[in-house]
Amino acid sequence: MSDEVARLIGSINLDPDPAHGDLTPAVHALVRIGLPALPAIMQLLEAEDKYTRLRAQRVLEGVTRAWVRDRTPAAPLTRSDAHAWMKLWQENGAFDWEADAATRARAISLWRAWLARVGS
């Protein structure tokens, strides 16, 4: 884990947007970093604090949406990238920060396996 990712992980709950409490400067920065940030995010998806899990989920969503968008051919007047992302999300357990611990653990395991396949 890079020093920058470690710093952002440590500040993921700082300065939430007043209109969107699930978003913080660290969430946005981790999404911009992309796949290299995801191994550290996997740990946060297991956090006891529900808001940490929520923000980690937002990073996972943002990174994987960008990953899919970069790999989905553009189709005018369609949302093919959104459909492709939703399929990926469902195939990997549809992580939900509010789900019970066992359900979250299954999804995290699937996302870790996905990350191992696509690389970071």
PDB file of N, CA and C in Angstrom:
ATOM      1  N   MET A   1       0.852  -1.165   0.000  1.00  0.00           N
ATOM      2  CA  MET A   1       0.000   0.000   0.000  1.00  0.00           C
ATOM      3  C   MET A   1       0.904   1.237   0.000  1.00  0.00           C
ATOM      4  N   SER A   2       0.601   2.161  -0.896  1.00  0.00           N
ATOM      5  CA  SER A   2       1.401   3.379  -0.979  1.00  0.00           C
ATOM      6  C   SER A   2       1.130   4.276   0.230  1.00  0.00           C
ATOM      7  N   ASP A   3       2.036   5.179   0.479  1.00  0.00           N
ATOM      8  CA  ASP A   3       1.848   6.134   1.577  1.00  0.00           C
ATOM      9  C   ASP A   3       0.590   6.960   1.357  1.00  0.00           C
ATOM     10  N   GLU A   4       0.338   7.329   0.104  1.00  0.00           N
ATOM     11  CA  GLU A   4      -0.847   8.139  -0.208  1.00  0.00           C
ATOM     12  C   GLU A   4      -2.130   7.367   0.083  1.00  0.00           C
ATOM     13  N   VAL A   5      -2.197   6.117  -0.327  1.00  0.00           N
ATOM     14  CA  VAL A   5      -3.384   5.306  -0.044  1.00  0.00           C
ATOM     15  C   VAL A   5      -3.543   5.136   1.461  1.00  0.00           C
ATOM     16  N   ALA A   6      -2.465   4.876   2.168  1.00  0.00           N
ATOM     17  CA  ALA A   6      -2.536   4.725   3.627  1.00  0.00           C
ATOM     18  C   ALA A   6      -3.054   5.999   4.285  1.00  0.00           C
ATOM     19  N   ARG A   7      -2.582   7.147   3.831  1.00  0.00           N
ATOM     20  CA  ARG A   7      -3.052   8.424   4.385  1.00  0.00           C
ATOM     21  C   ARG A   7      -4.544   8.612   4.128  1.00  0.00           C
ATOM     22  N   LEU A   8      -4.975   8.290   2.913  1.00  0.00           N
ATOM     23  CA  LEU A   8      -6.389   8.458   2.554  1.00  0.00           C
ATOM     24  C   LEU A   8      -7.283   7.477   3.312  1.00  0.00           C
ATOM     25  N   ILE A   9      -6.812   6.258   3.486  1.00  0.00           N
ATOM     26  CA  ILE A   9      -7.569   5.267   4.268  1.00  0.00           C
ATOM     27  C   ILE A   9      -7.774   5.789   5.685  1.00  0.00           C
ATOM     28  N   GLY A  10      -6.731   6.385   6.249  1.00  0.00           N
ATOM     29  CA  GLY A  10      -6.821   6.918   7.603  1.00  0.00           C
ATOM     30  C   GLY A  10      -7.731   8.118   7.737  1.00  0.00           C
ATOM     31  N   SER A  11      -8.034   8.765   6.630  1.00  0.00           N
ATOM     32  CA  SER A  11      -8.875   9.966   6.688  1.00  0.00           C
ATOM     33  C   SER A  11     -10.202   9.798   5.955  1.00  0.00           C
ATOM     34  N   ILE A  12     -10.599   8.555   5.725  1.00  0.00           N
ATOM     35  CA  ILE A  12     -11.801   8.313   4.921  1.00  0.00           C
ATOM     36  C   ILE A  12     -13.070   8.902   5.543  1.00  0.00           C
ATOM     37  N   ASN A  13     -13.092   9.083   6.852  1.00  0.00           N
ATOM     38  CA  ASN A  13     -14.292   9.610   7.506  1.00  0.00           C
ATOM     39  C   ASN A  13     -14.216  11.106   7.797  1.00  0.00           C
ATOM     40  N   LEU A  14     -13.137  11.754   7.391  1.00  0.00           N
ATOM     41  CA  LEU A  14     -12.974  13.181   7.698  1.00  0.00           C
ATOM     42  C   LEU A  14     -13.657  14.064   6.662  1.00  0.00           C
ATOM     43  N   ASP A  15     -14.255  15.134   7.138  1.00  0.00           N
ATOM     44  CA  ASP A  15     -14.848  16.183   6.296  1.00  0.00           C
ATOM     45  C   ASP A  15     -15.903  15.674   5.320  1.00  0.00           C
ATOM     46  N   PRO A  16     -16.920  14.963   5.799  1.00  0.00           N
ATOM     47  CA  PRO A  16     -17.963  14.513   4.870  1.00  0.00           C
ATOM     48  C   PRO A  16     -18.687  15.703   4.245  1.00  0.00           C
ATOM     49  N   ASP A  17     -19.099  15.522   3.017  1.00  0.00           N
ATOM     50  CA  ASP A  17     -19.872  16.532   2.304  1.00  0.00           C
ATOM     51  C   ASP A  17     -21.193  16.715   3.052  1.00  0.00           C
ATOM     52  N   PRO A  18     -21.564  17.956   3.409  1.00  0.00           N
ATOM     53  CA  PRO A  18     -22.806  18.162   4.166  1.00  0.00           C
ATOM     54  C   PRO A  18     -24.053  17.658   3.435  1.00  0.00           C
ATOM     55  N   ALA A  19     -24.035  17.692   2.120  1.00  0.00           N
ATOM     56  CA  ALA A  19     -25.196  17.243   1.351  1.00  0.00           C
ATOM     57  C   ALA A  19     -25.141  15.754   1.020  1.00  0.00           C
ATOM     58  N   HIS A  20     -23.952  15.175   1.087  1.00  0.00           N
ATOM     59  CA  HIS A  20     -23.760  13.761   0.756  1.00  0.00           C
ATOM     60  C   HIS A  20     -22.770  13.171   1.758  1.00  0.00           C
ATOM     61  N   GLY A  21     -23.262  12.818   2.920  1.00  0.00           N
ATOM     62  CA  GLY A  21     -22.404  12.361   4.002  1.00  0.00           C
ATOM     63  C   GLY A  21     -21.593  11.118   3.692  1.00  0.00           C
ATOM     64  N   ASP A  22     -21.967  10.416   2.627  1.00  0.00           N
ATOM     65  CA  ASP A  22     -21.212   9.225   2.244  1.00  0.00           C
ATOM     66  C   ASP A  22     -19.948   9.567   1.470  1.00  0.00           C
ATOM     67  N   LEU A  23     -19.789  10.817   1.108  1.00  0.00           N
ATOM     68  CA  LEU A  23     -18.638  11.251   0.309  1.00  0.00           C
ATOM     69  C   LEU A  23     -17.733  12.175   1.112  1.00  0.00           C
ATOM     70  N   THR A  24     -16.441  11.896   1.052  1.00  0.00           N
ATOM     71  CA  THR A  24     -15.435  12.720   1.707  1.00  0.00           C
ATOM     72  C   THR A  24     -14.328  12.984   0.695  1.00  0.00           C
ATOM     73  N   PRO A  25     -13.439  13.938   0.979  1.00  0.00           N
ATOM     74  CA  PRO A  25     -12.307  14.138   0.068  1.00  0.00           C
ATOM     75  C   PRO A  25     -11.498  12.854  -0.144  1.00  0.00           C
ATOM     76  N   ALA A  26     -11.346  12.052   0.901  1.00  0.00           N
ATOM     77  CA  ALA A  26     -10.589  10.805   0.765  1.00  0.00           C
ATOM     78  C   ALA A  26     -11.303   9.814  -0.157  1.00  0.00           C
ATOM     79  N   VAL A  27     -12.625   9.736  -0.073  1.00  0.00           N
ATOM     80  CA  VAL A  27     -13.381   8.848  -0.967  1.00  0.00           C
ATOM     81  C   VAL A  27     -13.111   9.237  -2.416  1.00  0.00           C
ATOM     82  N   HIS A  28     -13.231  10.524  -2.720  1.00  0.00           N
ATOM     83  CA  HIS A  28     -12.994  10.991  -4.094  1.00  0.00           C
ATOM     84  C   HIS A  28     -11.562  10.677  -4.541  1.00  0.00           C
ATOM     85  N   ALA A  29     -10.607  10.915  -3.678  1.00  0.00           N
ATOM     86  CA  ALA A  29      -9.198  10.680  -4.035  1.00  0.00           C
ATOM     87  C   ALA A  29      -8.921   9.192  -4.257  1.00  0.00           C
ATOM     88  N   LEU A  30      -9.484   8.338  -3.427  1.00  0.00           N
ATOM     89  CA  LEU A  30      -9.285   6.894  -3.585  1.00  0.00           C
ATOM     90  C   LEU A  30      -9.914   6.391  -4.885  1.00  0.00           C
ATOM     91  N   VAL A  31     -11.063   6.939  -5.248  1.00  0.00           N
ATOM     92  CA  VAL A  31     -11.674   6.565  -6.527  1.00  0.00           C
ATOM     93  C   VAL A  31     -10.758   6.970  -7.677  1.00  0.00           C
ATOM     94  N   ARG A  32     -10.162   8.148  -7.588  1.00  0.00           N
ATOM     95  CA  ARG A  32      -9.244   8.590  -8.648  1.00  0.00           C
ATOM     96  C   ARG A  32      -8.015   7.677  -8.733  1.00  0.00           C
ATOM     97  N   ILE A  33      -7.545   7.179  -7.617  1.00  0.00           N
ATOM     98  CA  ILE A  33      -6.395   6.265  -7.622  1.00  0.00           C
ATOM     99  C   ILE A  33      -6.763   4.971  -8.343  1.00  0.00           C
ATOM    100  N   GLY A  34      -7.962   4.503  -8.162  1.00  0.00           N
ATOM    101  CA  GLY A  34      -8.436   3.337  -8.894  1.00  0.00           C
ATOM    102  C   GLY A  34      -8.079   2.013  -8.250  1.00  0.00           C
ATOM    103  N   LEU A  35      -7.845   1.006  -9.086  1.00  0.00           N
ATOM    104  CA  LEU A  35      -7.606  -0.358  -8.598  1.00  0.00           C
ATOM    105  C   LEU A  35      -6.530  -0.473  -7.524  1.00  0.00           C
ATOM    106  N   PRO A  36      -5.424   0.285  -7.596  1.00  0.00           N
ATOM    107  CA  PRO A  36      -4.415   0.145  -6.544  1.00  0.00           C
ATOM    108  C   PRO A  36      -4.933   0.471  -5.132  1.00  0.00           C
ATOM    109  N   ALA A  37      -6.049   1.180  -5.033  1.00  0.00           N
ATOM    110  CA  ALA A  37      -6.618   1.508  -3.719  1.00  0.00           C
ATOM    111  C   ALA A  37      -7.482   0.380  -3.164  1.00  0.00           C
ATOM    112  N   LEU A  38      -7.933  -0.520  -4.013  1.00  0.00           N
ATOM    113  CA  LEU A  38      -8.924  -1.500  -3.569  1.00  0.00           C
ATOM    114  C   LEU A  38      -8.449  -2.510  -2.524  1.00  0.00           C
ATOM    115  N   PRO A  39      -7.209  -3.005  -2.561  1.00  0.00           N
ATOM    116  CA  PRO A  39      -6.836  -3.932  -1.482  1.00  0.00           C
ATOM    117  C   PRO A  39      -7.027  -3.325  -0.087  1.00  0.00           C
ATOM    118  N   ALA A  40      -6.697  -2.072   0.078  1.00  0.00           N
ATOM    119  CA  ALA A  40      -6.873  -1.416   1.378  1.00  0.00           C
ATOM    120  C   ALA A  40      -8.354  -1.194   1.689  1.00  0.00           C
ATOM    121  N   ILE A  41      -9.148  -0.959   0.676  1.00  0.00           N
ATOM    122  CA  ILE A  41     -10.580  -0.745   0.869  1.00  0.00           C
ATOM    123  C   ILE A  41     -11.264  -2.020   1.356  1.00  0.00           C
ATOM    124  N   MET A  42     -10.764  -3.170   0.915  1.00  0.00           N
ATOM    125  CA  MET A  42     -11.360  -4.438   1.353  1.00  0.00           C
ATOM    126  C   MET A  42     -11.386  -4.529   2.877  1.00  0.00           C
ATOM    127  N   GLN A  43     -10.332  -4.064   3.518  1.00  0.00           N
ATOM    128  CA  GLN A  43     -10.281  -4.077   4.984  1.00  0.00           C
ATOM    129  C   GLN A  43     -11.356  -3.174   5.577  1.00  0.00           C
ATOM    130  N   LEU A  44     -11.573  -2.015   4.944  1.00  0.00           N
ATOM    131  CA  LEU A  44     -12.567  -1.074   5.466  1.00  0.00           C
ATOM    132  C   LEU A  44     -13.987  -1.583   5.283  1.00  0.00           C
ATOM    133  N   LEU A  45     -14.209  -2.427   4.289  1.00  0.00           N
ATOM    134  CA  LEU A  45     -15.539  -3.000   4.100  1.00  0.00           C
ATOM    135  C   LEU A  45     -15.926  -3.889   5.278  1.00  0.00           C
ATOM    136  N   GLU A  46     -14.941  -4.315   6.058  1.00  0.00           N
ATOM    137  CA  GLU A  46     -15.176  -5.160   7.226  1.00  0.00           C
ATOM    138  C   GLU A  46     -15.254  -4.362   8.534  1.00  0.00           C
ATOM    139  N   ALA A  47     -15.154  -3.059   8.446  1.00  0.00           N
ATOM    140  CA  ALA A  47     -15.084  -2.215   9.647  1.00  0.00           C
ATOM    141  C   ALA A  47     -16.341  -2.340  10.511  1.00  0.00           C
ATOM    142  N   GLU A  48     -16.167  -2.169  11.808  1.00  0.00           N
ATOM    143  CA  GLU A  48     -17.298  -2.145  12.734  1.00  0.00           C
ATOM    144  C   GLU A  48     -18.162  -0.901  12.496  1.00  0.00           C
ATOM    145  N   ASP A  49     -17.514   0.218  12.197  1.00  0.00           N
ATOM    146  CA  ASP A  49     -18.238   1.478  12.002  1.00  0.00           C
ATOM    147  C   ASP A  49     -18.985   1.455  10.672  1.00  0.00           C
ATOM    148  N   LYS A  50     -20.293   1.635  10.734  1.00  0.00           N
ATOM    149  CA  LYS A  50     -21.099   1.535   9.514  1.00  0.00           C
ATOM    150  C   LYS A  50     -20.779   2.633   8.507  1.00  0.00           C
ATOM    151  N   TYR A  51     -20.380   3.803   8.973  1.00  0.00           N
ATOM    152  CA  TYR A  51     -20.076   4.890   8.041  1.00  0.00           C
ATOM    153  C   TYR A  51     -18.745   4.650   7.324  1.00  0.00           C
ATOM    154  N   THR A  52     -17.837   3.987   8.002  1.00  0.00           N
ATOM    155  CA  THR A  52     -16.598   3.588   7.334  1.00  0.00           C
ATOM    156  C   THR A  52     -16.921   2.597   6.233  1.00  0.00           C
ATOM    157  N   ARG A  53     -17.786   1.629   6.538  1.00  0.00           N
ATOM    158  CA  ARG A  53     -18.193   0.660   5.509  1.00  0.00           C
ATOM    159  C   ARG A  53     -18.899   1.346   4.344  1.00  0.00           C
ATOM    160  N   LEU A  54     -19.768   2.290   4.651  1.00  0.00           N
ATOM    161  CA  LEU A  54     -20.489   3.023   3.603  1.00  0.00           C
ATOM    162  C   LEU A  54     -19.507   3.743   2.681  1.00  0.00           C
ATOM    163  N   ARG A  55     -18.561   4.440   3.259  1.00  0.00           N
ATOM    164  CA  ARG A  55     -17.599   5.191   2.438  1.00  0.00           C
ATOM    165  C   ARG A  55     -16.682   4.254   1.659  1.00  0.00           C
ATOM    166  N   ALA A  56     -16.316   3.139   2.266  1.00  0.00           N
ATOM    167  CA  ALA A  56     -15.521   2.149   1.536  1.00  0.00           C
ATOM    168  C   ALA A  56     -16.326   1.581   0.372  1.00  0.00           C
ATOM    169  N   GLN A  57     -17.610   1.364   0.578  1.00  0.00           N
ATOM    170  CA  GLN A  57     -18.460   0.887  -0.510  1.00  0.00           C
ATOM    171  C   GLN A  57     -18.500   1.915  -1.637  1.00  0.00           C
ATOM    172  N   ARG A  58     -18.570   3.191  -1.305  1.00  0.00           N
ATOM    173  CA  ARG A  58     -18.589   4.226  -2.344  1.00  0.00           C
ATOM    174  C   ARG A  58     -17.294   4.201  -3.166  1.00  0.00           C
ATOM    175  N   VAL A  59     -16.165   3.920  -2.504  1.00  0.00           N
ATOM    176  CA  VAL A  59     -14.903   3.798  -3.238  1.00  0.00           C
ATOM    177  C   VAL A  59     -14.961   2.584  -4.162  1.00  0.00           C
ATOM    178  N   LEU A  60     -15.402   1.451  -3.633  1.00  0.00           N
ATOM    179  CA  LEU A  60     -15.510   0.244  -4.445  1.00  0.00           C
ATOM    180  C   LEU A  60     -16.421   0.484  -5.643  1.00  0.00           C
ATOM    181  N   GLU A  61     -17.547   1.128  -5.418  1.00  0.00           N
ATOM    182  CA  GLU A  61     -18.465   1.440  -6.516  1.00  0.00           C
ATOM    183  C   GLU A  61     -17.802   2.339  -7.558  1.00  0.00           C
ATOM    184  N   GLY A  62     -17.172   3.402  -7.094  1.00  0.00           N
ATOM    185  CA  GLY A  62     -16.558   4.351  -8.016  1.00  0.00           C
ATOM    186  C   GLY A  62     -15.439   3.756  -8.837  1.00  0.00           C
ATOM    187  N   VAL A  63     -14.580   2.988  -8.190  1.00  0.00           N
ATOM    188  CA  VAL A  63     -13.452   2.373  -8.892  1.00  0.00           C
ATOM    189  C   VAL A  63     -13.948   1.346  -9.901  1.00  0.00           C
ATOM    190  N   THR A  64     -14.894   0.516  -9.495  1.00  0.00           N
ATOM    191  CA  THR A  64     -15.367  -0.526 -10.408  1.00  0.00           C
ATOM    192  C   THR A  64     -16.210   0.051 -11.538  1.00  0.00           C
ATOM    193  N   ARG A  65     -16.936   1.118 -11.277  1.00  0.00           N
ATOM    194  CA  ARG A  65     -17.678   1.787 -12.372  1.00  0.00           C
ATOM    195  C   ARG A  65     -16.696   2.317 -13.419  1.00  0.00           C
ATOM    196  N   ALA A  66     -15.627   2.945 -12.974  1.00  0.00           N
ATOM    197  CA  ALA A  66     -14.629   3.470 -13.912  1.00  0.00           C
ATOM    198  C   ALA A  66     -13.953   2.329 -14.659  1.00  0.00           C
ATOM    199  N   TRP A  67     -13.653   1.241 -13.962  1.00  0.00           N
ATOM    200  CA  TRP A  67     -13.020   0.086 -14.587  1.00  0.00           C
ATOM    201  C   TRP A  67     -13.919  -0.474 -15.694  1.00  0.00           C
ATOM    202  N   VAL A  68     -15.204  -0.618 -15.399  1.00  0.00           N
ATOM    203  CA  VAL A  68     -16.147  -1.131 -16.400  1.00  0.00           C
ATOM    204  C   VAL A  68     -16.289  -0.147 -17.553  1.00  0.00           C
ATOM    205  N   ARG A  69     -16.431   1.119 -17.239  1.00  0.00           N
ATOM    206  CA  ARG A  69     -16.595   2.153 -18.275  1.00  0.00           C
ATOM    207  C   ARG A  69     -15.416   2.129 -19.250  1.00  0.00           C
ATOM    208  N   ASP A  70     -14.215   1.930 -18.736  1.00  0.00           N
ATOM    209  CA  ASP A  70     -13.024   1.888 -19.590  1.00  0.00           C
ATOM    210  C   ASP A  70     -12.993   0.646 -20.482  1.00  0.00           C
ATOM    211  N   ARG A  71     -13.761  -0.371 -20.141  1.00  0.00           N
ATOM    212  CA  ARG A  71     -13.722  -1.630 -20.884  1.00  0.00           C
ATOM    213  C   ARG A  71     -15.004  -1.929 -21.654  1.00  0.00           C
ATOM    214  N   THR A  72     -15.964  -1.023 -21.594  1.00  0.00           N
ATOM    215  CA  THR A  72     -17.236  -1.239 -22.276  1.00  0.00           C
ATOM    216  C   THR A  72     -17.291  -0.348 -23.510  1.00  0.00           C
ATOM    217  N   PRO A  73     -17.444  -0.951 -24.677  1.00  0.00           N
ATOM    218  CA  PRO A  73     -17.525  -0.133 -25.889  1.00  0.00           C
ATOM    219  C   PRO A  73     -18.690   0.845 -25.808  1.00  0.00           C
ATOM    220  N   ALA A  74     -18.439   2.049 -26.248  1.00  0.00           N
ATOM    221  CA  ALA A  74     -19.480   3.069 -26.243  1.00  0.00           C
ATOM    222  C   ALA A  74     -20.576   2.686 -27.231  1.00  0.00           C
ATOM    223  N   ALA A  75     -21.794   2.786 -26.795  1.00  0.00           N
ATOM    224  CA  ALA A  75     -22.946   2.536 -27.655  1.00  0.00           C
ATOM    225  C   ALA A  75     -23.864   3.745 -27.542  1.00  0.00           C
ATOM    226  N   PRO A  76     -23.948   4.549 -28.584  1.00  0.00           N
ATOM    227  CA  PRO A  76     -24.756   5.768 -28.512  1.00  0.00           C
ATOM    228  C   PRO A  76     -26.174   5.496 -28.007  1.00  0.00           C
ATOM    229  N   LEU A  77     -26.629   6.398 -27.155  1.00  0.00           N
ATOM    230  CA  LEU A  77     -27.992   6.380 -26.620  1.00  0.00           C
ATOM    231  C   LEU A  77     -28.311   5.136 -25.802  1.00  0.00           C
ATOM    232  N   THR A  78     -27.277   4.506 -25.258  1.00  0.00           N
ATOM    233  CA  THR A  78     -27.502   3.362 -24.368  1.00  0.00           C
ATOM    234  C   THR A  78     -26.753   3.593 -23.064  1.00  0.00           C
ATOM    235  N   ARG A  79     -27.033   2.751 -22.139  1.00  0.00           N
ATOM    236  CA  ARG A  79     -26.312   2.788 -20.866  1.00  0.00           C
ATOM    237  C   ARG A  79     -25.606   1.451 -20.680  1.00  0.00           C
ATOM    238  N   SER A  80     -24.931   1.016 -21.730  1.00  0.00           N
ATOM    239  CA  SER A  80     -24.299  -0.299 -21.699  1.00  0.00           C
ATOM    240  C   SER A  80     -23.290  -0.409 -20.570  1.00  0.00           C
ATOM    241  N   ASP A  81     -22.567   0.666 -20.271  1.00  0.00           N
ATOM    242  CA  ASP A  81     -21.600   0.598 -19.177  1.00  0.00           C
ATOM    243  C   ASP A  81     -22.298   0.448 -17.831  1.00  0.00           C
ATOM    244  N   ALA A  82     -23.430   1.110 -17.655  1.00  0.00           N
ATOM    245  CA  ALA A  82     -24.176   0.984 -16.398  1.00  0.00           C
ATOM    246  C   ALA A  82     -24.708  -0.437 -16.228  1.00  0.00           C
ATOM    247  N   HIS A  83     -25.193  -1.018 -17.300  1.00  0.00           N
ATOM    248  CA  HIS A  83     -25.695  -2.393 -17.233  1.00  0.00           C
ATOM    249  C   HIS A  83     -24.552  -3.367 -16.958  1.00  0.00           C
ATOM    250  N   ALA A  84     -23.411  -3.138 -17.605  1.00  0.00           N
ATOM    251  CA  ALA A  84     -22.250  -4.008 -17.390  1.00  0.00           C
ATOM    252  C   ALA A  84     -21.766  -3.900 -15.945  1.00  0.00           C
ATOM    253  N   TRP A  85     -21.779  -2.682 -15.389  1.00  0.00           N
ATOM    254  CA  TRP A  85     -21.349  -2.520 -13.998  1.00  0.00           C
ATOM    255  C   TRP A  85     -22.321  -3.225 -13.051  1.00  0.00           C
ATOM    256  N   MET A  86     -23.607  -3.067 -13.294  1.00  0.00           N
ATOM    257  CA  MET A  86     -24.597  -3.702 -12.413  1.00  0.00           C
ATOM    258  C   MET A  86     -24.427  -5.225 -12.434  1.00  0.00           C
ATOM    259  N   LYS A  87     -24.126  -5.765 -13.593  1.00  0.00           N
ATOM    260  CA  LYS A  87     -23.883  -7.210 -13.698  1.00  0.00           C
ATOM    261  C   LYS A  87     -22.656  -7.597 -12.865  1.00  0.00           C
ATOM    262  N   LEU A  88     -21.579  -6.822 -12.992  1.00  0.00           N
ATOM    263  CA  LEU A  88     -20.375  -7.075 -12.201  1.00  0.00           C
ATOM    264  C   LEU A  88     -20.684  -6.989 -10.710  1.00  0.00           C
ATOM    265  N   TRP A  89     -21.428  -5.972 -10.303  1.00  0.00           N
ATOM    266  CA  TRP A  89     -21.775  -5.770  -8.899  1.00  0.00           C
ATOM    267  C   TRP A  89     -22.549  -6.976  -8.365  1.00  0.00           C
ATOM    268  N   GLN A  90     -23.531  -7.430  -9.116  1.00  0.00           N
ATOM    269  CA  GLN A  90     -24.339  -8.576  -8.694  1.00  0.00           C
ATOM    270  C   GLN A  90     -23.510  -9.854  -8.638  1.00  0.00           C
ATOM    271  N   GLU A  91     -22.660 -10.062  -9.632  1.00  0.00           N
ATOM    272  CA  GLU A  91     -21.828 -11.275  -9.669  1.00  0.00           C
ATOM    273  C   GLU A  91     -20.870 -11.354  -8.484  1.00  0.00           C
ATOM    274  N   ASN A  92     -20.556 -10.206  -7.913  1.00  0.00           N
ATOM    275  CA  ASN A  92     -19.611 -10.159  -6.798  1.00  0.00           C
ATOM    276  C   ASN A  92     -20.292  -9.890  -5.465  1.00  0.00           C
ATOM    277  N   GLY A  93     -21.530 -10.304  -5.359  1.00  0.00           N
ATOM    278  CA  GLY A  93     -22.208 -10.298  -4.071  1.00  0.00           C
ATOM    279  C   GLY A  93     -22.966  -9.050  -3.713  1.00  0.00           C
ATOM    280  N   ALA A  94     -22.968  -8.052  -4.599  1.00  0.00           N
ATOM    281  CA  ALA A  94     -23.738  -6.820  -4.360  1.00  0.00           C
ATOM    282  C   ALA A  94     -23.509  -6.300  -2.937  1.00  0.00           C
ATOM    283  N   PHE A  95     -22.258  -6.020  -2.596  1.00  0.00           N
ATOM    284  CA  PHE A  95     -21.921  -5.585  -1.239  1.00  0.00           C
ATOM    285  C   PHE A  95     -22.868  -4.493  -0.776  1.00  0.00           C
ATOM    286  N   ASP A  96     -23.353  -4.640   0.452  1.00  0.00           N
ATOM    287  CA  ASP A  96     -24.246  -3.651   1.066  1.00  0.00           C
ATOM    288  C   ASP A  96     -23.727  -3.373   2.468  1.00  0.00           C
ATOM    289  N   TRP A  97     -23.313  -2.149   2.706  1.00  0.00           N
ATOM    290  CA  TRP A  97     -22.728  -1.759   3.980  1.00  0.00           C
ATOM    291  C   TRP A  97     -23.652  -2.013   5.164  1.00  0.00           C
ATOM    292  N   GLU A  98     -24.951  -2.125   4.928  1.00  0.00           N
ATOM    293  CA  GLU A  98     -25.909  -2.354   6.011  1.00  0.00           C
ATOM    294  C   GLU A  98     -26.283  -3.831   6.180  1.00  0.00           C
ATOM    295  N   ALA A  99     -25.782  -4.696   5.319  1.00  0.00           N
ATOM    296  CA  ALA A  99     -26.116  -6.121   5.419  1.00  0.00           C
ATOM    297  C   ALA A  99     -25.486  -6.725   6.676  1.00  0.00           C
ATOM    298  N   ASP A 100     -25.958  -7.900   7.033  1.00  0.00           N
ATOM    299  CA  ASP A 100     -25.379  -8.581   8.190  1.00  0.00           C
ATOM    300  C   ASP A 100     -23.938  -8.988   7.870  1.00  0.00           C
ATOM    301  N   ALA A 101     -23.183  -9.269   8.903  1.00  0.00           N
ATOM    302  CA  ALA A 101     -21.747  -9.535   8.766  1.00  0.00           C
ATOM    303  C   ALA A 101     -21.461 -10.720   7.840  1.00  0.00           C
ATOM    304  N   ALA A 102     -22.249 -11.770   7.908  1.00  0.00           N
ATOM    305  CA  ALA A 102     -22.004 -12.951   7.070  1.00  0.00           C
ATOM    306  C   ALA A 102     -22.229 -12.622   5.588  1.00  0.00           C
ATOM    307  N   THR A 103     -23.254 -11.870   5.287  1.00  0.00           N
ATOM    308  CA  THR A 103     -23.540 -11.479   3.904  1.00  0.00           C
ATOM    309  C   THR A 103     -22.441 -10.571   3.379  1.00  0.00           C
ATOM    310  N   ARG A 104     -22.004  -9.633   4.213  1.00  0.00           N
ATOM    311  CA  ARG A 104     -20.904  -8.749   3.806  1.00  0.00           C
ATOM    312  C   ARG A 104     -19.640  -9.559   3.557  1.00  0.00           C
ATOM    313  N   ALA A 105     -19.350 -10.522   4.427  1.00  0.00           N
ATOM    314  CA  ALA A 105     -18.133 -11.330   4.289  1.00  0.00           C
ATOM    315  C   ALA A 105     -18.130 -12.108   2.977  1.00  0.00           C
ATOM    316  N   ARG A 106     -19.293 -12.648   2.586  1.00  0.00           N
ATOM    317  CA  ARG A 106     -19.378 -13.382   1.311  1.00  0.00           C
ATOM    318  C   ARG A 106     -19.066 -12.447   0.145  1.00  0.00           C
ATOM    319  N   ALA A 107     -19.633 -11.251   0.160  1.00  0.00           N
ATOM    320  CA  ALA A 107     -19.386 -10.295  -0.920  1.00  0.00           C
ATOM    321  C   ALA A 107     -17.920  -9.861  -0.945  1.00  0.00           C
ATOM    322  N   ILE A 108     -17.344  -9.616   0.204  1.00  0.00           N
ATOM    323  CA  ILE A 108     -15.933  -9.215   0.271  1.00  0.00           C
ATOM    324  C   ILE A 108     -15.049 -10.316  -0.301  1.00  0.00           C
ATOM    325  N   SER A 109     -15.362 -11.562   0.021  1.00  0.00           N
ATOM    326  CA  SER A 109     -14.592 -12.683  -0.517  1.00  0.00           C
ATOM    327  C   SER A 109     -14.666 -12.703  -2.049  1.00  0.00           C
ATOM    328  N   LEU A 110     -15.840 -12.475  -2.594  1.00  0.00           N
ATOM    329  CA  LEU A 110     -16.003 -12.431  -4.055  1.00  0.00           C
ATOM    330  C   LEU A 110     -15.222 -11.267  -4.656  1.00  0.00           C
ATOM    331  N   TRP A 111     -15.279 -10.106  -4.015  1.00  0.00           N
ATOM    332  CA  TRP A 111     -14.539  -8.942  -4.543  1.00  0.00           C
ATOM    333  C   TRP A 111     -13.034  -9.163  -4.456  1.00  0.00           C
ATOM    334  N   ARG A 112     -12.570  -9.804  -3.394  1.00  0.00           N
ATOM    335  CA  ARG A 112     -11.127 -10.106  -3.302  1.00  0.00           C
ATOM    336  C   ARG A 112     -10.708 -11.054  -4.418  1.00  0.00           C
ATOM    337  N   ALA A 113     -11.519 -12.030  -4.724  1.00  0.00           N
ATOM    338  CA  ALA A 113     -11.205 -12.958  -5.811  1.00  0.00           C
ATOM    339  C   ALA A 113     -11.208 -12.222  -7.151  1.00  0.00           C
ATOM    340  N   TRP A 114     -12.170 -11.330  -7.349  1.00  0.00           N
ATOM    341  CA  TRP A 114     -12.225 -10.532  -8.580  1.00  0.00           C
ATOM    342  C   TRP A 114     -10.957  -9.691  -8.713  1.00  0.00           C
ATOM    343  N   LEU A 115     -10.580  -9.038  -7.623  1.00  0.00           N
ATOM    344  CA  LEU A 115      -9.388  -8.188  -7.639  1.00  0.00           C
ATOM    345  C   LEU A 115      -8.135  -9.007  -7.946  1.00  0.00           C
ATOM    346  N   ALA A 116      -8.049 -10.199  -7.420  1.00  0.00           N
ATOM    347  CA  ALA A 116      -6.906 -11.076  -7.714  1.00  0.00           C
ATOM    348  C   ALA A 116      -6.867 -11.427  -9.199  1.00  0.00           C
ATOM    349  N   ARG A 117      -8.040 -11.579  -9.813  1.00  0.00           N
ATOM    350  CA  ARG A 117      -8.092 -11.916 -11.248  1.00  0.00           C
ATOM    351  C   ARG A 117      -7.712 -10.722 -12.129  1.00  0.00           C
ATOM    352  N   VAL A 118      -8.204  -9.537 -11.803  1.00  0.00           N
ATOM    353  CA  VAL A 118      -7.969  -8.383 -12.684  1.00  0.00           C
ATOM    354  C   VAL A 118      -6.682  -7.660 -12.344  1.00  0.00           C
ATOM    355  N   GLY A 119      -6.142  -7.900 -11.162  1.00  0.00           N
ATOM    356  CA  GLY A 119      -4.892  -7.248 -10.766  1.00  0.00           C
ATOM    357  C   GLY A 119      -5.121  -5.859 -10.215  1.00  0.00           C
ATOM    358  N   SER A 120      -4.118  -5.379  -9.549  1.00  0.00           N
ATOM    359  CA  SER A 120      -4.231  -4.028  -8.986  1.00  0.00           C
ATOM    360  C   SER A 120      -3.091  -3.230  -9.374  1.00  0.00           C
TER     361      SER A 120
END
